[in-house]
C-alpha atoms as a PDB file:
ATOM      1  CA  MET A   1      97.591  89.364 123.510  1.00  0.00           C
ATOM      2  CA  LEU A   2     100.386  90.140 121.315  1.00  0.00           C
ATOM      3  CA  GLY A   3     101.154  93.417 121.108  1.00  0.00           C
ATOM      4  CA  SER A   4     101.209  93.378 117.036  1.00  0.00           C
ATOM      5  CA  ARG A   5      99.105  93.811 114.565  1.00  0.00           C
ATOM      6  CA  SER A   6     100.731  91.546 112.225  1.00  0.00           C
ATOM      7  CA  ASP A   7     101.469  89.108 114.482  1.00  0.00           C
ATOM      8  CA  ALA A   8      97.418  89.254 115.250  1.00  0.00           C
ATOM      9  CA  GLU A   9      96.897  88.495 111.653  1.00  0.00           C
ATOM     10  CA  ASP A  10      98.922  85.508 111.503  1.00  0.00           C
ATOM     11  CA  VAL A  11      97.621  83.972 114.598  1.00  0.00           C
ATOM     12  CA  VAL A  12      93.541  84.549 113.227  1.00  0.00           C
ATOM     13  CA  GLN A  13      95.057  82.603 109.633  1.00  0.00           C
ATOM     14  CA  ASP A  14      96.478  80.154 110.879  1.00  0.00           C
ATOM     15  CA  ALA A  15      93.629  79.469 113.350  1.00  0.00           C
ATOM     16  CA  TYR A  16      91.377  79.796 110.247  1.00  0.00           C
ATOM     17  CA  LEU A  17      93.629  77.026 108.717  1.00  0.00           C
ATOM     18  CA  ARG A  18      92.936  74.781 111.304  1.00  0.00           C
ATOM     19  CA  PHE A  19      89.769  75.261 111.572  1.00  0.00           C
ATOM     20  CA  ALA A  20      88.549  74.496 108.037  1.00  0.00           C
ATOM     21  CA  GLY A  21      90.830  71.765 108.187  1.00  0.00           C
ATOM     22  CA  ALA A  22      89.445  70.208 111.415  1.00  0.00           C
ATOM     23  CA  ASP A  23      86.951  67.422 111.803  1.00  0.00           C
ATOM     24  CA  ASP A  24      83.696  66.893 114.365  1.00  0.00           C
ATOM     25  CA  VAL A  25      84.345  70.185 115.514  1.00  0.00           C
ATOM     26  CA  HIS A  26      81.506  70.128 118.036  1.00  0.00           C
ATOM     27  CA  ASN A  27      81.903  73.704 119.563  1.00  0.00           C
ATOM     28  CA  ALA A  28      83.353  76.222 117.116  1.00  0.00           C
ATOM     29  CA  GLU A  29      83.844  79.413 119.941  1.00  0.00           C
ATOM     30  CA  ALA A  30      85.508  77.119 122.446  1.00  0.00           C
ATOM     31  CA  PHE A  31      87.759  74.672 119.364  1.00  0.00           C
ATOM     32  CA  LEU A  32      88.625  78.819 118.141  1.00  0.00           C
ATOM     33  CA  VAL A  33      89.664  80.623 121.199  1.00  0.00           C
ATOM     34  CA  THR A  34      91.769  77.514 122.300  1.00  0.00           C
ATOM     35  CA  VAL A  35      93.491  77.179 118.893  1.00  0.00           C
ATOM     36  CA  VAL A  36      94.163  81.199 119.092  1.00  0.00           C
ATOM     37  CA  THR A  37      95.509  81.079 122.762  1.00  0.00           C
ATOM     38  CA  ARG A  38      97.653  78.504 122.407  1.00  0.00           C
ATOM     39  CA  LEU A  39      99.315  79.816 118.856  1.00  0.00           C
ATOM     40  CA  CYS A  40      99.648  83.542 120.684  1.00  0.00           C
ATOM     41  CA  LEU A  41     101.542  82.029 123.766  1.00  0.00           C
ATOM     42  CA  ASP A  42     103.762  79.835 121.029  1.00  0.00           C
ATOM     43  CA  ARG A  43     104.497  83.333 120.090  1.00  0.00           C
ATOM     44  CA  LEU A  44     104.972  85.476 123.026  1.00  0.00           C
ATOM     45  CA  LYS A  45     107.781  82.540 124.589  1.00  0.00           C
ATOM     46  CA  SER A  46     109.251  82.887 120.823  1.00  0.00           C
ATOM     47  CA  ALA A  47     109.079  86.753 121.263  1.00  0.00           C
ATOM     48  CA  ARG A  48     110.538  86.778 124.552  1.00  0.00           C
ATOM     49  CA  VAL A  49     113.955  85.357 123.212  1.00  0.00           C
ATOM     50  CA  GLN A  50     113.762  88.114 120.433  1.00  0.00           C
ATOM     51  CA  ARG A  51     113.136  90.793 122.959  1.00  0.00           C
ATOM     52  CA  GLU A  52     116.338  89.982 124.491  1.00  0.00           C
ATOM     53  CA  LEU A  53     117.911  91.069 121.644  1.00  0.00           C
ATOM     54  CA  TYR A  54     116.040  94.111 120.546  1.00  0.00           C
ATOM     55  CA  ILE A  55     117.699  97.676 120.773  1.00  0.00           C
ATOM     56  CA  GLY A  56     116.580  99.756 122.749  1.00  0.00           C
ATOM     57  CA  PRO A  57     113.217  99.906 125.027  1.00  0.00           C
ATOM     58  CA  TRP A  58     110.146  98.224 123.468  1.00  0.00           C
ATOM     59  CA  LEU A  59     106.550  99.267 122.484  1.00  0.00           C
ATOM     60  CA  PRO A  60     103.753  97.434 121.195  1.00  0.00           C
ATOM     61  CA  GLU A  61     102.817  98.337 117.934  1.00  0.00           C
ATOM     62  CA  PRO A  62     100.601 101.832 117.690  1.00  0.00           C
ATOM     63  CA  VAL A  63      96.363 100.623 116.698  1.00  0.00           C
ATOM     64  CA  PHE A  64      95.248 103.350 114.066  1.00  0.00           C
ATOM     65  CA  ASP A  65      91.781 101.786 113.458  1.00  0.00           C
ATOM     66  CA  ALA A  66      89.660 102.986 116.213  1.00  0.00           C
ATOM     67  CA  ASP A  67      87.989 106.123 114.687  1.00  0.00           C
ATOM     68  CA  GLY A  68      85.106 104.178 113.511  1.00  0.00           C
ATOM     69  CA  LEU A  69      83.800 102.951 116.421  1.00  0.00           C
ATOM     70  CA  SER A  70      81.153 103.969 119.208  1.00  0.00           C
ATOM     71  CA  ALA A  71      82.050 106.215 121.597  1.00  0.00           C
ATOM     72  CA  ASP A  72      81.796 104.033 124.035  1.00  0.00           C
ATOM     73  CA  ALA A  73      83.796 101.033 121.804  1.00  0.00           C
ATOM     74  CA  ALA A  74      86.494 103.629 121.552  1.00  0.00           C
ATOM     75  CA  THR A  75      86.393 104.478 125.274  1.00  0.00           C
ATOM     76  CA  GLU A  76      86.854 100.753 125.871  1.00  0.00           C
ATOM     77  CA  LEU A  77      89.263 100.486 123.712  1.00  0.00           C
ATOM     78  CA  ALA A  78      91.513 103.263 125.239  1.00  0.00           C
ATOM     79  CA  ASP A  79      91.022 101.399 128.509  1.00  0.00           C
ATOM     80  CA  ASP A  80      92.374  98.324 127.068  1.00  0.00           C
ATOM     81  CA  LEU A  81      94.873  98.833 124.595  1.00  0.00           C
ATOM     82  CA  SER A  82      96.837 101.794 126.318  1.00  0.00           C
ATOM     83  CA  PHE A  83     100.264 101.738 126.044  1.00  0.00           C
ATOM     84  CA  ALA A  84     100.803 101.871 129.720  1.00  0.00           C
ATOM     85  CA  LEU A  85      98.506  98.470 129.980  1.00  0.00           C
ATOM     86  CA  MET A  86      99.991  97.054 127.164  1.00  0.00           C
ATOM     87  CA  LEU A  87     103.894  97.443 128.716  1.00  0.00           C
ATOM     88  CA  ALA A  88     102.617  95.895 132.099  1.00  0.00           C
ATOM     89  CA  LEU A  89     100.901  92.361 130.102  1.00  0.00           C
ATOM     90  CA  ASP A  90     104.370  92.796 128.715  1.00  0.00           C
ATOM     91  CA  ARG A  91     105.936  92.451 131.838  1.00  0.00           C
ATOM     92  CA  LEU A  92     104.200  88.743 132.938  1.00  0.00           C
ATOM     93  CA  SER A  93     104.817  85.553 131.530  1.00  0.00           C
ATOM     94  CA  PRO A  94     102.819  84.122 128.701  1.00  0.00           C
ATOM     95  CA  LEU A  95     100.811  82.192 130.654  1.00  0.00           C
ATOM     96  CA  GLU A  96      99.914  85.038 133.525  1.00  0.00           C
ATOM     97  CA  ARG A  97      98.811  87.052 130.703  1.00  0.00           C
ATOM     98  CA  ALA A  98      96.903  84.399 128.704  1.00  0.00           C
ATOM     99  CA  ALA A  99      95.145  83.560 131.917  1.00  0.00           C
ATOM    100  CA  PHE A 100      94.438  87.143 132.705  1.00  0.00           C
ATOM    101  CA  LEU A 101      92.863  88.570 129.523  1.00  0.00           C
ATOM    102  CA  LEU A 102      91.055  84.911 129.052  1.00  0.00           C
ATOM    103  CA  HIS A 103      88.978  85.449 132.545  1.00  0.00           C
ATOM    104  CA  ASP A 104      88.984  89.240 133.505  1.00  0.00           C
ATOM    105  CA  VAL A 105      89.077  90.921 130.122  1.00  0.00           C
ATOM    106  CA  PHE A 106      86.726  88.084 127.826  1.00  0.00           C
ATOM    107  CA  ASP A 107      84.957  86.557 130.400  1.00  0.00           C
ATOM    108  CA  ARG A 108      85.476  83.274 130.256  1.00  0.00           C
ATOM    109  CA  PRO A 109      85.328  80.838 133.313  1.00  0.00           C
ATOM    110  CA  PHE A 110      88.081  78.719 135.070  1.00  0.00           C
ATOM    111  CA  SER A 111      86.953  76.075 133.936  1.00  0.00           C
ATOM    112  CA  GLU A 112      87.244  77.059 130.109  1.00  0.00           C
ATOM    113  CA  VAL A 113      90.440  78.439 130.944  1.00  0.00           C
ATOM    114  CA  ALA A 114      92.580  75.490 132.586  1.00  0.00           C
ATOM    115  CA  ASP A 115      90.946  73.885 129.605  1.00  0.00           C
ATOM    116  CA  MET A 116      92.831  76.234 127.077  1.00  0.00           C
ATOM    117  CA  LEU A 117      95.711  76.811 128.939  1.00  0.00           C
ATOM    118  CA  GLY A 118      96.178  73.591 129.958  1.00  0.00           C
ATOM    119  CA  ARG A 119      96.222  73.791 134.081  1.00  0.00           C
ATOM    120  CA  SER A 120      94.259  73.028 136.829  1.00  0.00           C
ATOM    121  CA  GLU A 121      91.387  75.521 137.695  1.00  0.00           C
ATOM    122  CA  ALA A 122      93.326  75.948 140.906  1.00  0.00           C
ATOM    123  CA  ALA A 123      96.700  77.244 138.847  1.00  0.00           C
ATOM    124  CA  CYS A 124      94.848  79.334 136.037  1.00  0.00           C
ATOM    125  CA  ARG A 125      93.220  81.399 139.540  1.00  0.00           C
ATOM    126  CA  GLN A 126      96.873  81.865 141.095  1.00  0.00           C
ATOM    127  CA  LEU A 127      97.990  82.895 137.527  1.00  0.00           C
ATOM    128  CA  ALA A 128      94.885  85.962 136.946  1.00  0.00           C
ATOM    129  CA  THR A 129      95.571  86.631 140.866  1.00  0.00           C
ATOM    130  CA  ARG A 130      99.166  87.219 140.266  1.00  0.00           C
ATOM    131  CA  ALA A 131      98.618  89.206 137.215  1.00  0.00           C
ATOM    132  CA  ARG A 132      95.687  90.838 138.535  1.00  0.00           C
ATOM    133  CA  ARG A 133      97.981  92.503 141.527  1.00  0.00           C
ATOM    134  CA  ALA A 134     100.599  92.963 138.936  1.00  0.00           C
ATOM    135  CA  MET A 135      98.296  95.317 136.365  1.00  0.00           C
ATOM    136  CA  ARG A 136      96.518  97.111 139.554  1.00  0.00           C
ATOM    137  CA  ASP A 137      99.036  99.691 139.501  1.00  0.00           C
ATOM    138  CA  GLU A 138      99.149 100.285 135.940  1.00  0.00           C
ATOM    139  CA  ARG A 139      95.456 101.391 135.537  1.00  0.00           C
ATOM    140  CA  PRO A 140      95.261 105.419 136.250  1.00  0.00           C
ATOM    141  CA  ALA A 141      92.785 105.820 139.658  1.00  0.00           C
ATOM    142  CA  SER A 142      91.064 109.008 137.738  1.00  0.00           C
ATOM    143  CA  PRO A 143      91.831 108.468 133.557  1.00  0.00           C
ATOM    144  CA  ALA A 144      91.667 111.966 131.838  1.00  0.00           C
ATOM    145  CA  ARG A 145      88.726 112.760 130.136  1.00  0.00           C
ATOM    146  CA  PRO A 146      89.125 112.552 126.138  1.00  0.00           C
ATOM    147  CA  ASP A 147      88.926 116.404 125.757  1.00  0.00           C
ATOM    148  CA  ASN A 148      91.603 117.386 128.504  1.00  0.00           C
ATOM    149  CA  HIS A 149      94.158 114.475 126.782  1.00  0.00           C
ATOM    150  CA  ALA A 150      93.709 116.369 123.600  1.00  0.00           C
ATOM    151  CA  ARG A 151      93.956 119.172 125.141  1.00  0.00           C
ATOM    152  CA  LEU A 152      97.884 118.615 126.744  1.00  0.00           C
ATOM    153  CA  LEU A 153      98.339 116.775 123.475  1.00  0.00           C
ATOM    154  CA  ALA A 154      97.968 119.921 121.196  1.00  0.00           C
ATOM    155  CA  ALA A 155      99.788 122.119 124.492  1.00  0.00           C
ATOM    156  CA  PHE A 156     102.760 119.665 124.132  1.00  0.00           C
ATOM    157  CA  CYS A 157     103.400 119.914 120.645  1.00  0.00           C
ATOM    158  CA  GLU A 158     103.087 123.294 120.166  1.00  0.00           C
ATOM    159  CA  ALA A 159     104.954 124.168 123.232  1.00  0.00           C
ATOM    160  CA  ALA A 160     107.835 120.758 121.844  1.00  0.00           C
ATOM    161  CA  ALA A 161     108.087 122.758 118.177  1.00  0.00           C
ATOM    162  CA  SER A 162     108.251 126.038 119.306  1.00  0.00           C
ATOM    163  CA  GLY A 163     111.066 125.421 122.331  1.00  0.00           C
ATOM    164  CA  ASP A 164     109.222 126.863 125.162  1.00  0.00           C
ATOM    165  CA  ILE A 165     110.325 125.390 128.116  1.00  0.00           C
ATOM    166  CA  SER A 166     108.613 126.618 130.597  1.00  0.00           C
ATOM    167  CA  THR A 167     105.570 125.586 129.003  1.00  0.00           C
ATOM    168  CA  LEU A 168     106.856 121.904 128.687  1.00  0.00           C
ATOM    169  CA  ALA A 169     107.625 122.087 132.310  1.00  0.00           C
ATOM    170  CA  THR A 170     104.156 122.994 133.440  1.00  0.00           C
ATOM    171  CA  LEU A 171     102.869 120.251 130.882  1.00  0.00           C
ATOM    172  CA  LEU A 172     105.047 117.287 132.265  1.00  0.00           C
ATOM    173  CA  ARG A 173     104.586 115.825 135.707  1.00  0.00           C
ATOM    174  CA  GLU A 174     108.406 116.123 137.831  1.00  0.00           C
ATOM    175  CA  ASP A 175     108.731 112.287 137.421  1.00  0.00           C
ATOM    176  CA  ALA A 176     107.156 112.132 133.705  1.00  0.00           C
ATOM    177  CA  ILE A 177     108.820 109.183 131.752  1.00  0.00           C
ATOM    178  CA  ALA A 178     109.426 109.184 127.719  1.00  0.00           C
ATOM    179  CA  ILE A 179     109.675 105.772 126.053  1.00  0.00           C
ATOM    180  CA  THR A 180     110.993 106.025 122.562  1.00  0.00           C
ATOM    181  CA  ASP A 181     111.264 102.994 120.489  1.00  0.00           C
ATOM    182  CA  GLY A 182     113.417 102.964 117.333  1.00  0.00           C
ATOM    183  CA  GLY A 183     113.908  99.191 117.094  1.00  0.00           C
ATOM    184  CA  GLY A 184     117.552  99.990 115.622  1.00  0.00           C
ATOM    185  CA  ARG A 185     115.620 101.145 112.902  1.00  0.00           C
ATOM    186  CA  LYS A 186     115.640 104.348 113.407  1.00  0.00           C
ATOM    187  CA  THR A 187     117.813 107.182 116.447  1.00  0.00           C
ATOM    188  CA  ALA A 188     115.741 106.528 119.713  1.00  0.00           C
ATOM    189  CA  ALA A 189     116.981 106.913 123.249  1.00  0.00           C
ATOM    190  CA  LEU A 190     118.402 103.675 124.406  1.00  0.00           C
ATOM    191  CA  ASN A 191     117.092 103.454 127.772  1.00  0.00           C
ATOM    192  CA  PRO A 192     113.768 105.052 129.314  1.00  0.00           C
ATOM    193  CA  ILE A 193     113.969 108.739 129.831  1.00  0.00           C
ATOM    194  CA  ARG A 194     112.942 109.827 132.977  1.00  0.00           C
ATOM    195  CA  GLY A 195     112.192 113.211 135.091  1.00  0.00           C
ATOM    196  CA  ALA A 196     110.716 116.181 133.401  1.00  0.00           C
ATOM    197  CA  GLN A 197     114.310 118.058 132.974  1.00  0.00           C
ATOM    198  CA  LYS A 198     115.679 115.242 131.253  1.00  0.00           C
ATOM    199  CA  ILE A 199     112.200 115.250 128.869  1.00  0.00           C
ATOM    200  CA  ILE A 200     112.766 118.239 127.968  1.00  0.00           C
ATOM    201  CA  ARG A 201     116.521 118.207 127.006  1.00  0.00           C
ATOM    202  CA  PHE A 202     115.922 115.487 124.984  1.00  0.00           C
ATOM    203  CA  LEU A 203     113.069 117.188 123.219  1.00  0.00           C
ATOM    204  CA  ILE A 204     114.833 120.371 122.416  1.00  0.00           C
ATOM    205  CA  GLY A 205     117.561 118.557 121.350  1.00  0.00           C
ATOM    206  CA  ILE A 206     115.494 116.749 118.697  1.00  0.00           C
ATOM    207  CA  ALA A 207     113.917 120.390 117.724  1.00  0.00           C
ATOM    208  CA  GLY A 208     117.319 121.334 116.936  1.00  0.00           C
ATOM    209  CA  LYS A 209     118.506 118.454 114.894  1.00  0.00           C
ATOM    210  CA  ASN A 210     115.070 118.722 112.956  1.00  0.00           C
ATOM    211  CA  ALA A 211     115.174 122.493 112.425  1.00  0.00           C
ATOM    212  CA  GLY A 212     114.616 123.763 108.954  1.00  0.00           C
ATOM    213  CA  ARG A 213     112.890 120.706 108.255  1.00  0.00           C
ATOM    214  CA  ASP A 214     109.002 120.248 106.863  1.00  0.00           C
ATOM    215  CA  ILE A 215     107.738 118.912 110.075  1.00  0.00           C
ATOM    216  CA  ARG A 216     103.859 118.035 109.984  1.00  0.00           C
ATOM    217  CA  ILE A 217     101.790 116.777 113.107  1.00  0.00           C
ATOM    218  CA  VAL A 218      98.049 114.903 112.348  1.00  0.00           C
ATOM    219  CA  PRO A 219      96.318 114.284 115.296  1.00  0.00           C
ATOM    220  CA  MET A 220      94.815 110.820 115.724  1.00  0.00           C
ATOM    221  CA  THR A 221      93.509 108.596 117.699  1.00  0.00           C
ATOM    222  CA  ILE A 222      95.959 105.806 118.141  1.00  0.00           C
ATOM    223  CA  ASN A 223      95.344 102.670 120.774  1.00  0.00           C
ATOM    224  CA  GLY A 224      91.571 104.795 121.424  1.00  0.00           C
ATOM    225  CA  ALA A 225      93.310 108.067 122.938  1.00  0.00           C
ATOM    226  CA  ALA A 226      94.410 111.443 121.333  1.00  0.00           C
ATOM    227  CA  GLY A 227      97.904 110.587 119.746  1.00  0.00           C
ATOM    228  CA  ALA A 228      99.682 111.900 116.680  1.00  0.00           C
ATOM    229  CA  LEU A 229     101.351 111.225 113.779  1.00  0.00           C
ATOM    230  CA  LEU A 230     104.211 113.286 112.859  1.00  0.00           C
ATOM    231  CA  TYR A 231     105.750 113.379 109.483  1.00  0.00           C
ATOM    232  CA  LEU A 232     109.045 114.737 108.549  1.00  0.00           C
ATOM    233  CA  ASP A 233     109.632 115.598 104.908  1.00  0.00           C
ATOM    234  CA  GLY A 234     106.160 114.266 103.800  1.00  0.00           C
ATOM    235  CA  GLU A 235     107.246 110.893 105.540  1.00  0.00           C
ATOM    236  CA  VAL A 236     105.594 109.218 108.667  1.00  0.00           C
ATOM    237  CA  ASP A 237     108.384 109.310 111.357  1.00  0.00           C
ATOM    238  CA  HIS A 238     107.016 108.582 114.263  1.00  0.00           C
ATOM    239  CA  THR A 239     103.313 108.263 116.668  1.00  0.00           C
ATOM    240  CA  LEU A 240     103.206 110.277 119.505  1.00  0.00           C
ATOM    241  CA  SER A 241     100.801 109.048 122.858  1.00  0.00           C
ATOM    242  CA  MET A 242     100.728 109.857 125.862  1.00  0.00           C
ATOM    243  CA  ALA A 243      99.292 108.598 129.572  1.00  0.00           C
ATOM    244  CA  ILE A 244      97.688 111.651 131.902  1.00  0.00           C
ATOM    245  CA  ASP A 245      97.560 112.032 135.411  1.00  0.00           C
ATOM    246  CA  GLY A 246      94.686 114.966 136.380  1.00  0.00           C
ATOM    247  CA  ASP A 247      96.473 118.152 134.492  1.00  0.00           C
ATOM    248  CA  ARG A 248      99.552 116.786 133.864  1.00  0.00           C
ATOM    249  CA  ILE A 249     101.584 114.348 131.443  1.00  0.00           C
ATOM    250  CA  ALA A 250     102.797 111.346 133.655  1.00  0.00           C
ATOM    251  CA  ALA A 251     104.445 109.585 130.444  1.00  0.00           C
ATOM    252  CA  ILE A 252     104.772 109.984 126.435  1.00  0.00           C
ATOM    253  CA  TYR A 253     105.432 107.021 124.223  1.00  0.00           C
ATOM    254  CA  ILE A 254     107.476 107.539 120.761  1.00  0.00           C
ATOM    255  CA  VAL A 255     106.938 104.790 118.382  1.00  0.00           C
ATOM    256  CA  ARG A 256     110.064 105.648 115.305  1.00  0.00           C
ATOM    257  CA  ASN A 257     110.643 101.499 114.588  1.00  0.00           C
ATOM    258  CA  PRO A 258     109.208 101.332 110.646  1.00  0.00           C
ATOM    259  CA  ASP A 259     108.175  98.154 111.113  1.00  0.00           C
ATOM    260  CA  LYS A 260     105.568  99.065 113.480  1.00  0.00           C
ATOM    261  CA  LEU A 261     104.393 101.773 111.260  1.00  0.00           C
ATOM    262  CA  ARG A 262     103.318 100.040 108.374  1.00  0.00           C
ATOM    263  CA  HIS A 263      99.641 100.398 109.214  1.00  0.00           C
ATOM    264  CA  ALA A 264      99.996 104.243 109.390  1.00  0.00           C
ATOM    265  CA  PRO A 265      97.779 106.267 107.476  1.00  0.00           C
ATOM    266  CA  ASP A 266     100.255 107.774 104.322  1.00  0.00           C
ATOM    267  CA  ALA A 267      98.767 111.005 103.428  1.00  0.00           C
ATOM    268  CA  VAL A 268     100.019 113.869 104.867  1.00  0.00           C
ATOM    269  CA  CYS A 269      97.822 116.257 105.682  1.00  0.00           C
ATOM    270  CA  GLY A 270      98.095 118.691 109.289  1.00  0.00           C
ATOM    271  CA  GLU A 271      99.834 121.582 110.662  1.00  0.00           C
ATOM    272  CA  ARG A 272     103.034 122.425 109.869  1.00  0.00           C
ATOM    273  CA  LEU A 273     105.469 122.796 113.029  1.00  0.00           C
ATOM    274  CA  ASN A 274     108.473 125.152 111.367  1.00  0.00           C
END
């Protein structure tokens, strides 16, 4: 719902306090889901105002703690928390987002969704339909296999580190897009970078600026899919995630905003890139 672990933790804490102080709760699950949904709606409305002041593109907070999940659960997480899907959710209105998630993801009947959102069943059906239509185009027709995803990620990191322009050109789709989120706290492109050649120039420029520094990359599951953490001189610098279309990279997502990397592992271990 929120794209932020810290916001989600605050909402759960607030919901628990309300539950603990409530009298005559006959259905704990319904009470908690309703309270959490409404608290999320309040935060989403506030987030939209704050987003207008956000510097550069916004990306959701990376999720790092999927390694302990079963294979089936990890695959489901990768489908539900991909950066592409989270960005698509962010473009929905708060009510559309809530109706879609409650009904299509959490299998709540529209009668319950209507009570939670304070809308009629017919209105909730329309909200979910609009959201479903907007989301349909964001899901890849044939998601990449995990091993193929990891292979492309590794090849991309190696080519970017070595400045191998020809290999990067074969890895990226011609209409690929790169989104970098620095939040005004770290240097990042202020607009999405569109097109393979522009992305390559951007990557080569970054590699030149970091020449001589201790750069290490650590493969890691991020949002349920193969990703990487990049460390500069022993400190977490950014996460790297990708959307794959067949055998080529369709989108690159780089999160540098320190506020979104607070849950990143501190230990530095991995391949040195220079």
